Amino acid sequence: MEKEKKKRNIGKIIRNIFSGIFIITGFSGINSGEFLSGLFMMLFGISLLPIFYEKTKLNIKHIQVILPIIIIIITGLCMPQSTTVNNTSINETNINIQENKNTQVTKLQFNESEIELDLKETKNIVLEITPDYASIGNIEFCTSNNKIAILEKVNGENVLGKITLKIKPLSEGTCEIFTKSTNGIESNKAIVKVIDSERIEREKKEKEEQAKKEAEEQARKEAEEEEKRRAEEQARKKAEEEERRRAEEQRKAEEQAKKQQTTQSNKTTPSKGNSSSTSTAPNKGTSSQNNSNNTHGKKVYITPTGKRYHFDPDCGGKNSYQTTLDAAKSSGLTPCQKCAK
């Protein structure tokens, strides 16, 4: 008796476990959209519960035979409606396909009119088709210059009444892209400008470097000119200073010569008592002294930087100025070989 009781308890536990599995699975099926199969699983799980038969006092064999029959009847009632819906959908699809094959395009329009892109980039552009259900199988994709850019269809991105096309650049320049259908309908023309940003950046850097070099060269020239100007200014100041110094030396020499001339004149002037003897009997010493006095006051011409003195002002040049012979000799100047022999 105890063994049979144990077996019945083990059977109940197993049936409860399987019943729970079927009920949970059926509930999940109903939530995921599989209503009939989910309902069948739930009912089958309930039919496995021992407590269900203990409470209802029904025969387990009858329930497990009746339950599949009920499910089959419910399924049979639901199937015709689903089939009708599917057939209707298929018919509508076939009608749309037939209309697409027979309907001609009346308008083609790009959603953009001006496009600029880099040589290493591509860009998608949308072609709008009127009517939406028109046949799109014979639309031609065109470009005014296929060496600059071409137009390609993008697969898998088309929606009703629209086609996505890809612009593929090939070289720098400007061209027009457009489309046309077999019945002569042509779209608007979109202007495509292709640029090479790397080339532009490279040329920009080259121009900046060239401008920098020119600026440095200009700065160097200005520095050289400034240095040259300073050197010329220093040379001019030095020449002026030298000229002032020579003028001062000349002035002093002239003053000294005048003093010497005055002194010599005073020495050679005879007194009243012996004037006759002096005038009537000159000697050699007196004649030499007179010649010295004439030489002492003689005028010559010198230049600020010359080493010779001249008797002829034209021989000295336009920078020559007048001085005395003694002053020229005292400055260390020697006679000119042309005019002062």
C-alpha atoms as a PDB file:
ATOM      1  CA  MET A   1       0.000   0.000   0.000  1.00  0.00           C
ATOM      2  CA  GLU A   2       2.756   2.409   0.920  1.00  0.00           C
ATOM      3  CA  LYS A   3       4.631   1.644  -2.328  1.00  0.00           C
ATOM      4  CA  GLU A   4       1.547   2.345  -4.421  1.00  0.00           C
ATOM      5  CA  LYS A   5       0.946   5.553  -2.524  1.00  0.00           C
ATOM      6  CA  LYS A   6       4.517   6.605  -3.169  1.00  0.00           C
ATOM      7  CA  LYS A   7       4.185   5.896  -6.874  1.00  0.00           C
ATOM      8  CA  ARG A   8       0.981   7.946  -7.058  1.00  0.00           C
ATOM      9  CA  ASN A   9       2.706  10.880  -5.317  1.00  0.00           C
ATOM     10  CA  ILE A  10       5.686  10.706  -7.690  1.00  0.00           C
ATOM     11  CA  GLY A  11       3.279  10.596 -10.641  1.00  0.00           C
ATOM     12  CA  LYS A  12       1.467  13.646  -9.364  1.00  0.00           C
ATOM     13  CA  ILE A  13       4.729  15.575  -8.996  1.00  0.00           C
ATOM     14  CA  ILE A  14       5.805  14.686 -12.547  1.00  0.00           C
ATOM     15  CA  ARG A  15       2.414  15.621 -13.960  1.00  0.00           C
ATOM     16  CA  ASN A  16       2.516  18.978 -12.082  1.00  0.00           C
ATOM     17  CA  ILE A  17       5.984  19.735 -13.494  1.00  0.00           C
ATOM     18  CA  PHE A  18       4.996  18.973 -17.087  1.00  0.00           C
ATOM     19  CA  SER A  19       1.724  20.797 -16.637  1.00  0.00           C
ATOM     20  CA  GLY A  20       3.539  23.928 -15.453  1.00  0.00           C
ATOM     21  CA  ILE A  21       5.914  23.749 -18.447  1.00  0.00           C
ATOM     22  CA  PHE A  22       3.011  23.486 -20.923  1.00  0.00           C
ATOM     23  CA  ILE A  23       1.041  26.297 -19.252  1.00  0.00           C
ATOM     24  CA  ILE A  24       4.052  28.685 -19.251  1.00  0.00           C
ATOM     25  CA  THR A  25       4.902  27.806 -22.853  1.00  0.00           C
ATOM     26  CA  GLY A  26       1.297  28.345 -23.940  1.00  0.00           C
ATOM     27  CA  PHE A  27       1.128  31.708 -22.178  1.00  0.00           C
ATOM     28  CA  SER A  28       4.335  32.812 -23.920  1.00  0.00           C
ATOM     29  CA  GLY A  29       2.925  31.695 -27.280  1.00  0.00           C
ATOM     30  CA  ILE A  30      -0.224  33.767 -26.785  1.00  0.00           C
ATOM     31  CA  ASN A  31       1.871  36.859 -25.933  1.00  0.00           C
ATOM     32  CA  SER A  32       4.103  36.377 -28.989  1.00  0.00           C
ATOM     33  CA  GLY A  33       1.141  36.176 -31.405  1.00  0.00           C
ATOM     34  CA  GLU A  34       0.730  32.406 -31.685  1.00  0.00           C
ATOM     35  CA  PHE A  35      -2.713  32.437 -30.113  1.00  0.00           C
ATOM     36  CA  LEU A  36      -4.028  29.005 -31.159  1.00  0.00           C
ATOM     37  CA  SER A  37      -0.895  27.059 -30.381  1.00  0.00           C
ATOM     38  CA  GLY A  38      -0.498  28.943 -27.101  1.00  0.00           C
ATOM     39  CA  LEU A  39      -4.109  28.241 -26.123  1.00  0.00           C
ATOM     40  CA  PHE A  40      -3.710  24.565 -26.972  1.00  0.00           C
ATOM     41  CA  MET A  41      -0.544  24.326 -24.827  1.00  0.00           C
ATOM     42  CA  MET A  42      -2.240  26.021 -21.888  1.00  0.00           C
ATOM     43  CA  LEU A  43      -5.310  23.784 -22.059  1.00  0.00           C
ATOM     44  CA  PHE A  44      -3.143  20.704 -22.413  1.00  0.00           C
ATOM     45  CA  GLY A  45      -1.110  21.794 -19.396  1.00  0.00           C
ATOM     46  CA  ILE A  46      -4.293  22.283 -17.366  1.00  0.00           C
ATOM     47  CA  SER A  47      -5.475  18.822 -18.404  1.00  0.00           C
ATOM     48  CA  LEU A  48      -2.320  17.359 -16.879  1.00  0.00           C
ATOM     49  CA  LEU A  49      -2.942  18.849 -13.437  1.00  0.00           C
ATOM     50  CA  PRO A  50      -4.084  16.194 -10.928  1.00  0.00           C
ATOM     51  CA  ILE A  51      -5.866  18.857  -8.841  1.00  0.00           C
ATOM     52  CA  PHE A  52      -8.039  19.718 -11.873  1.00  0.00           C
ATOM     53  CA  TYR A  53      -9.509  16.225 -11.879  1.00  0.00           C
ATOM     54  CA  GLU A  54      -9.763  16.047  -8.106  1.00  0.00           C
ATOM     55  CA  LYS A  55     -11.812  19.269  -8.000  1.00  0.00           C
ATOM     56  CA  THR A  56     -13.961  18.614 -11.105  1.00  0.00           C
ATOM     57  CA  LYS A  57     -14.173  14.819 -10.634  1.00  0.00           C
ATOM     58  CA  LEU A  58     -13.796  14.399 -14.416  1.00  0.00           C
ATOM     59  CA  ASN A  59     -12.264  11.396 -16.143  1.00  0.00           C
ATOM     60  CA  ILE A  60      -8.711  12.186 -17.308  1.00  0.00           C
ATOM     61  CA  LYS A  61      -9.030   9.995 -20.395  1.00  0.00           C
ATOM     62  CA  HIS A  62     -12.172  11.823 -21.554  1.00  0.00           C
ATOM     63  CA  ILE A  63     -10.565  15.243 -21.090  1.00  0.00           C
ATOM     64  CA  GLN A  64      -7.418  14.316 -23.006  1.00  0.00           C
ATOM     65  CA  VAL A  65      -9.540  13.035 -25.929  1.00  0.00           C
ATOM     66  CA  ILE A  66     -12.067  15.888 -25.973  1.00  0.00           C
ATOM     67  CA  LEU A  67      -9.451  18.660 -25.674  1.00  0.00           C
ATOM     68  CA  PRO A  68      -7.642  18.028 -29.022  1.00  0.00           C
ATOM     69  CA  ILE A  69     -11.042  17.784 -30.765  1.00  0.00           C
ATOM     70  CA  ILE A  70     -12.045  21.199 -29.407  1.00  0.00           C
ATOM     71  CA  ILE A  71      -8.690  22.709 -30.551  1.00  0.00           C
ATOM     72  CA  ILE A  72      -9.135  21.247 -34.037  1.00  0.00           C
ATOM     73  CA  ILE A  73     -12.635  22.718 -34.332  1.00  0.00           C
ATOM     74  CA  ILE A  74     -11.444  26.166 -33.206  1.00  0.00           C
ATOM     75  CA  THR A  75      -8.569  26.044 -35.679  1.00  0.00           C
ATOM     76  CA  GLY A  76     -10.876  25.052 -38.500  1.00  0.00           C
ATOM     77  CA  LEU A  77     -13.205  27.953 -37.751  1.00  0.00           C
ATOM     78  CA  CYS A  78     -10.336  30.467 -37.774  1.00  0.00           C
ATOM     79  CA  MET A  79      -8.430  29.262 -40.880  1.00  0.00           C
ATOM     80  CA  PRO A  80     -10.859  30.413 -43.650  1.00  0.00           C
ATOM     81  CA  GLN A  81     -10.820  34.016 -42.473  1.00  0.00           C
ATOM     82  CA  SER A  82      -7.006  34.119 -42.441  1.00  0.00           C
ATOM     83  CA  THR A  83      -6.825  32.585 -45.903  1.00  0.00           C
ATOM     84  CA  THR A  84      -9.246  35.157 -47.258  1.00  0.00           C
ATOM     85  CA  VAL A  85      -7.190  38.014 -45.859  1.00  0.00           C
ATOM     86  CA  ASN A  86      -3.977  36.599 -47.326  1.00  0.00           C
ATOM     87  CA  ASN A  87      -5.607  36.107 -50.727  1.00  0.00           C
ATOM     88  CA  THR A  88      -6.886  39.681 -50.674  1.00  0.00           C
ATOM     89  CA  SER A  89      -3.398  40.982 -49.826  1.00  0.00           C
ATOM     90  CA  ILE A  90      -1.856  38.914 -52.621  1.00  0.00           C
ATOM     91  CA  ASN A  91      -4.425  40.214 -55.100  1.00  0.00           C
ATOM     92  CA  GLU A  92      -3.754  43.815 -54.096  1.00  0.00           C
ATOM     93  CA  THR A  93      -0.007  43.256 -54.505  1.00  0.00           C
ATOM     94  CA  ASN A  94      -0.527  41.772 -57.964  1.00  0.00           C
ATOM     95  CA  ILE A  95      -2.701  44.749 -58.952  1.00  0.00           C
ATOM     96  CA  ASN A  96       0.004  47.203 -57.774  1.00  0.00           C
ATOM     97  CA  ILE A  97       2.687  45.334 -59.708  1.00  0.00           C
ATOM     98  CA  GLN A  98       0.546  45.430 -62.837  1.00  0.00           C
ATOM     99  CA  GLU A  99      -0.103  49.167 -62.398  1.00  0.00           C
ATOM    100  CA  ASN A 100       3.653  49.832 -61.966  1.00  0.00           C
ATOM    101  CA  LYS A 101       4.379  48.054 -65.230  1.00  0.00           C
ATOM    102  CA  ASN A 102       1.788  50.042 -67.165  1.00  0.00           C
ATOM    103  CA  THR A 103       2.058  53.554 -65.591  1.00  0.00           C
ATOM    104  CA  GLN A 104       4.359  56.054 -67.320  1.00  0.00           C
ATOM    105  CA  VAL A 105       6.521  58.624 -65.487  1.00  0.00           C
ATOM    106  CA  THR A 106       5.152  62.172 -65.678  1.00  0.00           C
ATOM    107  CA  LYS A 107       7.786  64.042 -63.634  1.00  0.00           C
ATOM    108  CA  LEU A 108      11.337  63.492 -62.328  1.00  0.00           C
ATOM    109  CA  GLN A 109      12.759  65.887 -59.726  1.00  0.00           C
ATOM    110  CA  PHE A 110      16.036  65.983 -57.742  1.00  0.00           C
ATOM    111  CA  ASN A 111      15.752  67.196 -54.155  1.00  0.00           C
ATOM    112  CA  GLU A 112      18.934  69.310 -54.578  1.00  0.00           C
ATOM    113  CA  SER A 113      20.094  71.688 -57.330  1.00  0.00           C
ATOM    114  CA  GLU A 114      23.680  72.608 -56.345  1.00  0.00           C
ATOM    115  CA  ILE A 115      26.158  70.173 -54.817  1.00  0.00           C
ATOM    116  CA  GLU A 116      29.807  70.590 -53.843  1.00  0.00           C
ATOM    117  CA  LEU A 117      31.852  67.593 -52.750  1.00  0.00           C
ATOM    118  CA  ASP A 118      35.445  66.559 -52.314  1.00  0.00           C
ATOM    119  CA  LEU A 119      37.252  64.355 -54.790  1.00  0.00           C
ATOM    120  CA  LYS A 120      37.527  61.560 -52.210  1.00  0.00           C
ATOM    121  CA  GLU A 121      33.868  61.696 -51.112  1.00  0.00           C
ATOM    122  CA  THR A 122      30.571  60.434 -52.473  1.00  0.00           C
ATOM    123  CA  LYS A 123      27.115  61.880 -51.941  1.00  0.00           C
ATOM    124  CA  ASN A 124      23.607  60.471 -52.150  1.00  0.00           C
ATOM    125  CA  ILE A 125      20.852  62.427 -53.866  1.00  0.00           C
ATOM    126  CA  VAL A 126      17.134  61.558 -53.951  1.00  0.00           C
ATOM    127  CA  LEU A 127      15.181  61.456 -57.214  1.00  0.00           C
ATOM    128  CA  GLU A 128      11.438  62.009 -56.690  1.00  0.00           C
ATOM    129  CA  ILE A 129       9.138  60.265 -59.187  1.00  0.00           C
ATOM    130  CA  THR A 130       5.597  61.280 -60.126  1.00  0.00           C
ATOM    131  CA  PRO A 131       3.299  59.358 -59.861  1.00  0.00           C
ATOM    132  CA  ASP A 132       4.549  57.289 -56.938  1.00  0.00           C
ATOM    133  CA  TYR A 133       3.567  53.951 -58.530  1.00  0.00           C
ATOM    134  CA  ALA A 134       5.113  54.695 -61.946  1.00  0.00           C
ATOM    135  CA  SER A 135       7.468  52.252 -63.608  1.00  0.00           C
ATOM    136  CA  ILE A 136      11.108  53.078 -62.734  1.00  0.00           C
ATOM    137  CA  GLY A 137      12.844  50.261 -64.543  1.00  0.00           C
ATOM    138  CA  ASN A 138      13.781  52.276 -67.667  1.00  0.00           C
ATOM    139  CA  ILE A 139      15.063  55.520 -66.097  1.00  0.00           C
ATOM    140  CA  GLU A 140      18.510  56.551 -67.398  1.00  0.00           C
ATOM    141  CA  PHE A 141      21.061  58.286 -65.126  1.00  0.00           C
ATOM    142  CA  CYS A 142      23.055  60.922 -67.061  1.00  0.00           C
ATOM    143  CA  THR A 143      25.939  63.398 -66.580  1.00  0.00           C
ATOM    144  CA  SER A 144      27.168  66.208 -68.821  1.00  0.00           C
ATOM    145  CA  ASN A 145      30.808  65.149 -68.280  1.00  0.00           C
ATOM    146  CA  ASN A 146      31.488  61.584 -67.216  1.00  0.00           C
ATOM    147  CA  LYS A 147      35.145  62.435 -66.559  1.00  0.00           C
ATOM    148  CA  ILE A 148      34.177  64.684 -63.654  1.00  0.00           C
ATOM    149  CA  ALA A 149      31.338  62.745 -61.960  1.00  0.00           C
ATOM    150  CA  ILE A 150      28.960  59.861 -62.638  1.00  0.00           C
ATOM    151  CA  LEU A 151      25.558  58.907 -61.252  1.00  0.00           C
ATOM    152  CA  GLU A 152      24.872  55.420 -59.854  1.00  0.00           C
ATOM    153  CA  LYS A 153      21.795  53.796 -58.309  1.00  0.00           C
ATOM    154  CA  VAL A 154      21.985  52.822 -54.637  1.00  0.00           C
ATOM    155  CA  ASN A 155      20.472  49.383 -54.156  1.00  0.00           C
ATOM    156  CA  GLY A 156      18.223  48.677 -51.188  1.00  0.00           C
ATOM    157  CA  GLU A 157      17.394  52.311 -50.330  1.00  0.00           C
ATOM    158  CA  ASN A 158      14.392  52.953 -52.583  1.00  0.00           C
ATOM    159  CA  VAL A 159      10.942  53.838 -51.244  1.00  0.00           C
ATOM    160  CA  LEU A 160       7.658  54.429 -53.018  1.00  0.00           C
ATOM    161  CA  GLY A 161       8.036  57.329 -55.456  1.00  0.00           C
ATOM    162  CA  LYS A 162      11.732  57.934 -54.671  1.00  0.00           C
ATOM    163  CA  ILE A 163      15.079  56.570 -55.848  1.00  0.00           C
ATOM    164  CA  THR A 164      18.359  57.145 -54.007  1.00  0.00           C
ATOM    165  CA  LEU A 165      21.287  57.801 -56.346  1.00  0.00           C
ATOM    166  CA  LYS A 166      24.989  58.138 -55.565  1.00  0.00           C
ATOM    167  CA  ILE A 167      27.214  60.857 -57.059  1.00  0.00           C
ATOM    168  CA  LYS A 168      30.722  59.513 -57.574  1.00  0.00           C
ATOM    169  CA  PRO A 169      33.397  62.182 -58.349  1.00  0.00           C
ATOM    170  CA  LEU A 170      36.281  61.324 -60.690  1.00  0.00           C
ATOM    171  CA  SER A 171      38.210  64.584 -61.140  1.00  0.00           C
ATOM    172  CA  GLU A 172      38.046  68.280 -60.310  1.00  0.00           C
ATOM    173  CA  GLY A 173      35.604  70.398 -62.252  1.00  0.00           C
ATOM    174  CA  THR A 174      31.912  71.226 -62.673  1.00  0.00           C
ATOM    175  CA  CYS A 175      29.250  69.197 -64.456  1.00  0.00           C
ATOM    176  CA  GLU A 176      25.476  68.653 -64.525  1.00  0.00           C
ATOM    177  CA  ILE A 177      23.656  65.474 -63.527  1.00  0.00           C
ATOM    178  CA  PHE A 178      20.122  64.571 -64.603  1.00  0.00           C
ATOM    179  CA  THR A 179      17.837  61.637 -65.369  1.00  0.00           C
ATOM    180  CA  LYS A 180      15.419  60.832 -68.177  1.00  0.00           C
ATOM    181  CA  SER A 181      12.804  58.181 -68.808  1.00  0.00           C
ATOM    182  CA  THR A 182      12.021  56.188 -71.939  1.00  0.00           C
ATOM    183  CA  ASN A 183       8.915  58.294 -72.624  1.00  0.00           C
ATOM    184  CA  GLY A 184      11.047  61.471 -72.894  1.00  0.00           C
ATOM    185  CA  ILE A 185      10.561  62.919 -69.400  1.00  0.00           C
ATOM    186  CA  GLU A 186      13.751  64.611 -68.162  1.00  0.00           C
ATOM    187  CA  SER A 187      14.527  65.733 -64.615  1.00  0.00           C
ATOM    188  CA  ASN A 188      15.941  69.055 -63.491  1.00  0.00           C
ATOM    189  CA  LYS A 189      19.722  69.406 -63.801  1.00  0.00           C
ATOM    190  CA  ALA A 190      21.732  69.526 -60.600  1.00  0.00           C
ATOM    191  CA  ILE A 191      25.106  71.300 -60.753  1.00  0.00           C
ATOM    192  CA  VAL A 192      27.938  69.265 -59.214  1.00  0.00           C
ATOM    193  CA  LYS A 193      31.218  70.975 -58.310  1.00  0.00           C
ATOM    194  CA  VAL A 194      34.089  68.626 -57.470  1.00  0.00           C
ATOM    195  CA  ILE A 195      37.079  70.020 -55.567  1.00  0.00           C
ATOM    196  CA  ASP A 196      40.332  68.519 -54.349  1.00  0.00           C
ATOM    197  CA  SER A 197      40.688  69.744 -50.771  1.00  0.00           C
ATOM    198  CA  GLU A 198      44.152  68.209 -50.449  1.00  0.00           C
ATOM    199  CA  ARG A 199      45.400  70.166 -53.472  1.00  0.00           C
ATOM    200  CA  ILE A 200      43.758  73.350 -52.212  1.00  0.00           C
ATOM    201  CA  GLU A 201      45.330  72.904 -48.774  1.00  0.00           C
ATOM    202  CA  ARG A 202      48.705  72.132 -50.344  1.00  0.00           C
ATOM    203  CA  GLU A 203      48.582  75.212 -52.562  1.00  0.00           C
ATOM    204  CA  LYS A 204      47.477  77.311 -49.602  1.00  0.00           C
ATOM    205  CA  LYS A 205      50.496  76.165 -47.602  1.00  0.00           C
ATOM    206  CA  GLU A 206      52.788  76.821 -50.566  1.00  0.00           C
ATOM    207  CA  LYS A 207      51.384  80.344 -50.919  1.00  0.00           C
ATOM    208  CA  GLU A 208      51.813  80.962 -47.194  1.00  0.00           C
ATOM    209  CA  GLU A 209      55.406  79.721 -47.340  1.00  0.00           C
ATOM    210  CA  GLN A 210      56.075  81.864 -50.437  1.00  0.00           C
ATOM    211  CA  ALA A 211      54.551  84.896 -48.733  1.00  0.00           C
ATOM    212  CA  LYS A 212      56.665  84.200 -45.658  1.00  0.00           C
ATOM    213  CA  LYS A 213      59.836  83.968 -47.772  1.00  0.00           C
ATOM    214  CA  GLU A 214      58.956  87.190 -49.595  1.00  0.00           C
ATOM    215  CA  ALA A 215      58.312  88.929 -46.289  1.00  0.00           C
ATOM    216  CA  GLU A 216      61.642  87.694 -44.917  1.00  0.00           C
ATOM    217  CA  GLU A 217      63.411  88.815 -48.118  1.00  0.00           C
ATOM    218  CA  GLN A 218      61.723  92.210 -47.927  1.00  0.00           C
ATOM    219  CA  ALA A 219      62.711  92.544 -44.279  1.00  0.00           C
ATOM    220  CA  ARG A 220      66.296  91.597 -45.150  1.00  0.00           C
ATOM    221  CA  LYS A 221      66.430  94.186 -47.963  1.00  0.00           C
ATOM    222  CA  GLU A 222      64.984  96.853 -45.689  1.00  0.00           C
ATOM    223  CA  ALA A 223      67.547  95.972 -43.027  1.00  0.00           C
ATOM    224  CA  GLU A 224      70.344  96.215 -45.600  1.00  0.00           C
ATOM    225  CA  GLU A 225      69.036  99.542 -46.876  1.00  0.00           C
ATOM    226  CA  GLU A 226      68.759 100.823 -43.313  1.00  0.00           C
ATOM    227  CA  GLU A 227      72.305  99.681 -42.596  1.00  0.00           C
ATOM    228  CA  LYS A 228      73.510 101.318 -45.819  1.00  0.00           C
ATOM    229  CA  ARG A 229      71.687 104.531 -44.927  1.00  0.00           C
ATOM    230  CA  ARG A 230      73.267 104.549 -41.482  1.00  0.00           C
ATOM    231  CA  ALA A 231      76.709 103.945 -42.978  1.00  0.00           C
ATOM    232  CA  GLU A 232      76.187 106.788 -45.474  1.00  0.00           C
ATOM    233  CA  GLU A 233      74.969 109.024 -42.677  1.00  0.00           C
ATOM    234  CA  GLN A 234      78.012 108.176 -40.582  1.00  0.00           C
ATOM    235  CA  ALA A 235      80.293 108.779 -43.584  1.00  0.00           C
ATOM    236  CA  ARG A 236      78.591 112.117 -44.270  1.00  0.00           C
ATOM    237  CA  LYS A 237      78.942 113.188 -40.645  1.00  0.00           C
ATOM    238  CA  LYS A 238      82.575 112.100 -40.671  1.00  0.00           C
ATOM    239  CA  ALA A 239      83.225 114.047 -43.897  1.00  0.00           C
ATOM    240  CA  GLU A 240      81.516 117.116 -42.436  1.00  0.00           C
ATOM    241  CA  GLU A 241      83.566 116.785 -39.288  1.00  0.00           C
ATOM    242  CA  GLU A 242      86.735 116.418 -41.335  1.00  0.00           C
ATOM    243  CA  GLU A 243      85.785 119.444 -43.419  1.00  0.00           C
ATOM    244  CA  ARG A 244      85.146 121.492 -40.290  1.00  0.00           C
ATOM    245  CA  ARG A 245      88.465 120.380 -38.885  1.00  0.00           C
ATOM    246  CA  ARG A 246      90.312 121.396 -42.086  1.00  0.00           C
ATOM    247  CA  ALA A 247      88.411 124.678 -42.225  1.00  0.00           C
ATOM    248  CA  GLU A 248      89.415 125.359 -38.644  1.00  0.00           C
ATOM    249  CA  GLU A 249      93.029 124.456 -39.432  1.00  0.00           C
ATOM    250  CA  GLN A 250      92.924 126.720 -42.511  1.00  0.00           C
ATOM    251  CA  ARG A 251      91.476 129.560 -40.450  1.00  0.00           C
ATOM    252  CA  LYS A 252      94.212 129.155 -37.868  1.00  0.00           C
ATOM    253  CA  ALA A 253      96.855 128.937 -40.614  1.00  0.00           C
ATOM    254  CA  GLU A 254      95.548 132.123 -42.223  1.00  0.00           C
ATOM    255  CA  GLU A 255      95.546 133.914 -38.895  1.00  0.00           C
ATOM    256  CA  GLN A 256      99.091 132.714 -38.250  1.00  0.00           C
ATOM    257  CA  ALA A 257     100.156 133.803 -41.722  1.00  0.00           C
ATOM    258  CA  LYS A 258      98.658 137.263 -41.183  1.00  0.00           C
ATOM    259  CA  LYS A 259     100.478 137.595 -37.892  1.00  0.00           C
ATOM    260  CA  GLN A 260     103.759 136.551 -39.496  1.00  0.00           C
ATOM    261  CA  GLN A 261     103.184 138.959 -42.397  1.00  0.00           C
ATOM    262  CA  THR A 262     102.480 141.794 -40.003  1.00  0.00           C
ATOM    263  CA  THR A 263     105.606 140.975 -38.044  1.00  0.00           C
ATOM    264  CA  GLN A 264     107.762 140.832 -41.176  1.00  0.00           C
ATOM    265  CA  SER A 265     106.324 144.112 -42.454  1.00  0.00           C
ATOM    266  CA  ASN A 266     107.155 145.823 -39.204  1.00  0.00           C
ATOM    267  CA  LYS A 267     110.716 144.508 -39.326  1.00  0.00           C
ATOM    268  CA  THR A 268     111.354 145.624 -42.923  1.00  0.00           C
ATOM    269  CA  THR A 269     109.852 149.166 -42.592  1.00  0.00           C
ATOM    270  CA  PRO A 270     112.857 151.715 -42.549  1.00  0.00           C
ATOM    271  CA  SER A 271     113.073 154.623 -40.112  1.00  0.00           C
ATOM    272  CA  LYS A 272     112.987 158.280 -41.294  1.00  0.00           C
ATOM    273  CA  GLY A 273     116.660 159.023 -40.512  1.00  0.00           C
ATOM    274  CA  ASN A 274     118.241 156.473 -42.773  1.00  0.00           C
ATOM    275  CA  SER A 275     115.549 156.027 -45.367  1.00  0.00           C
ATOM    276  CA  SER A 276     117.706 157.273 -48.209  1.00  0.00           C
ATOM    277  CA  SER A 277     120.540 154.942 -47.556  1.00  0.00           C
ATOM    278  CA  THR A 278     118.257 152.058 -47.247  1.00  0.00           C
ATOM    279  CA  SER A 279     116.344 152.782 -50.398  1.00  0.00           C
ATOM    280  CA  THR A 280     119.367 153.593 -52.502  1.00  0.00           C
ATOM    281  CA  ALA A 281     121.582 150.753 -51.462  1.00  0.00           C
ATOM    282  CA  PRO A 282     119.660 147.558 -51.068  1.00  0.00           C
ATOM    283  CA  ASN A 283     121.688 144.424 -50.530  1.00  0.00           C
ATOM    284  CA  LYS A 284     121.089 140.783 -51.187  1.00  0.00           C
ATOM    285  CA  GLY A 285     119.632 140.110 -47.766  1.00  0.00           C
ATOM    286  CA  THR A 286     117.012 142.730 -48.260  1.00  0.00           C
ATOM    287  CA  SER A 287     116.028 141.363 -51.682  1.00  0.00           C
ATOM    288  CA  SER A 288     115.672 137.819 -50.345  1.00  0.00           C
ATOM    289  CA  GLN A 289     113.536 139.105 -47.491  1.00  0.00           C
ATOM    290  CA  ASN A 290     111.224 140.916 -49.938  1.00  0.00           C
ATOM    291  CA  ASN A 291     110.885 137.742 -52.026  1.00  0.00           C
ATOM    292  CA  SER A 292     110.054 135.797 -48.858  1.00  0.00           C
ATOM    293  CA  ASN A 293     107.377 138.312 -47.959  1.00  0.00           C
ATOM    294  CA  ASN A 294     105.843 138.032 -51.451  1.00  0.00           C
ATOM    295  CA  THR A 295     105.806 134.254 -51.221  1.00  0.00           C
ATOM    296  CA  HIS A 296     104.392 134.348 -47.701  1.00  0.00           C
ATOM    297  CA  GLY A 297     101.226 136.165 -48.755  1.00  0.00           C
ATOM    298  CA  LYS A 298     100.641 134.403 -52.064  1.00  0.00           C
ATOM    299  CA  LYS A 299      97.209 132.844 -52.551  1.00  0.00           C
ATOM    300  CA  VAL A 300      96.813 129.155 -53.481  1.00  0.00           C
ATOM    301  CA  TYR A 301      93.860 126.757 -53.792  1.00  0.00           C
ATOM    302  CA  ILE A 302      93.396 123.473 -51.913  1.00  0.00           C
ATOM    303  CA  THR A 303      90.652 120.826 -51.520  1.00  0.00           C
ATOM    304  CA  PRO A 304      89.327 119.285 -48.284  1.00  0.00           C
ATOM    305  CA  THR A 305      90.822 115.884 -49.024  1.00  0.00           C
ATOM    306  CA  GLY A 306      93.596 116.739 -51.517  1.00  0.00           C
ATOM    307  CA  LYS A 307      97.340 116.433 -50.865  1.00  0.00           C
ATOM    308  CA  ARG A 308      98.392 119.200 -53.363  1.00  0.00           C
ATOM    309  CA  TYR A 309      97.964 122.963 -53.513  1.00  0.00           C
ATOM    310  CA  HIS A 310      97.136 124.725 -56.771  1.00  0.00           C
ATOM    311  CA  PHE A 311      97.711 128.165 -58.243  1.00  0.00           C
ATOM    312  CA  ASP A 312      94.835 127.646 -60.685  1.00  0.00           C
ATOM    313  CA  PRO A 313      91.389 127.266 -58.994  1.00  0.00           C
ATOM    314  CA  ASP A 314      90.089 125.238 -61.916  1.00  0.00           C
ATOM    315  CA  CYS A 315      92.888 122.726 -61.499  1.00  0.00           C
ATOM    316  CA  GLY A 316      91.791 122.020 -57.931  1.00  0.00           C
ATOM    317  CA  GLY A 317      88.214 121.288 -58.937  1.00  0.00           C
ATOM    318  CA  LYS A 318      84.836 122.558 -57.774  1.00  0.00           C
ATOM    319  CA  ASN A 319      85.538 121.735 -54.088  1.00  0.00           C
ATOM    320  CA  SER A 320      88.720 123.871 -53.971  1.00  0.00           C
ATOM    321  CA  TYR A 321      88.912 126.931 -51.737  1.00  0.00           C
ATOM    322  CA  GLN A 322      91.435 129.755 -51.340  1.00  0.00           C
ATOM    323  CA  THR A 323      94.220 129.914 -48.724  1.00  0.00           C
ATOM    324  CA  THR A 324      97.794 131.167 -48.401  1.00  0.00           C
ATOM    325  CA  LEU A 325     100.859 129.334 -49.595  1.00  0.00           C
ATOM    326  CA  ASP A 326     102.348 129.227 -46.102  1.00  0.00           C
ATOM    327  CA  ALA A 327      99.143 127.758 -44.696  1.00  0.00           C
ATOM    328  CA  ALA A 328      99.120 125.078 -47.398  1.00  0.00           C
ATOM    329  CA  LYS A 329     102.756 124.237 -46.734  1.00  0.00           C
ATOM    330  CA  SER A 330     102.204 124.150 -42.992  1.00  0.00           C
ATOM    331  CA  SER A 331      99.421 121.574 -43.602  1.00  0.00           C
ATOM    332  CA  GLY A 332     101.951 119.348 -45.338  1.00  0.00           C
ATOM    333  CA  LEU A 333     100.628 119.923 -48.855  1.00  0.00           C
ATOM    334  CA  THR A 334     102.943 119.761 -51.855  1.00  0.00           C
ATOM    335  CA  PRO A 335     102.720 121.784 -55.107  1.00  0.00           C
ATOM    336  CA  CYS A 336     100.600 120.505 -57.981  1.00  0.00           C
ATOM    337  CA  GLN A 337     102.655 119.026 -60.821  1.00  0.00           C
ATOM    338  CA  LYS A 338     100.552 120.842 -63.419  1.00  0.00           C
ATOM    339  CA  CYS A 339      99.905 124.360 -62.211  1.00  0.00           C
ATOM    340  CA  ALA A 340     102.370 124.955 -59.332  1.00  0.00           C
ATOM    341  CA  LYS A 341     105.762 124.085 -60.954  1.00  0.00           C
END
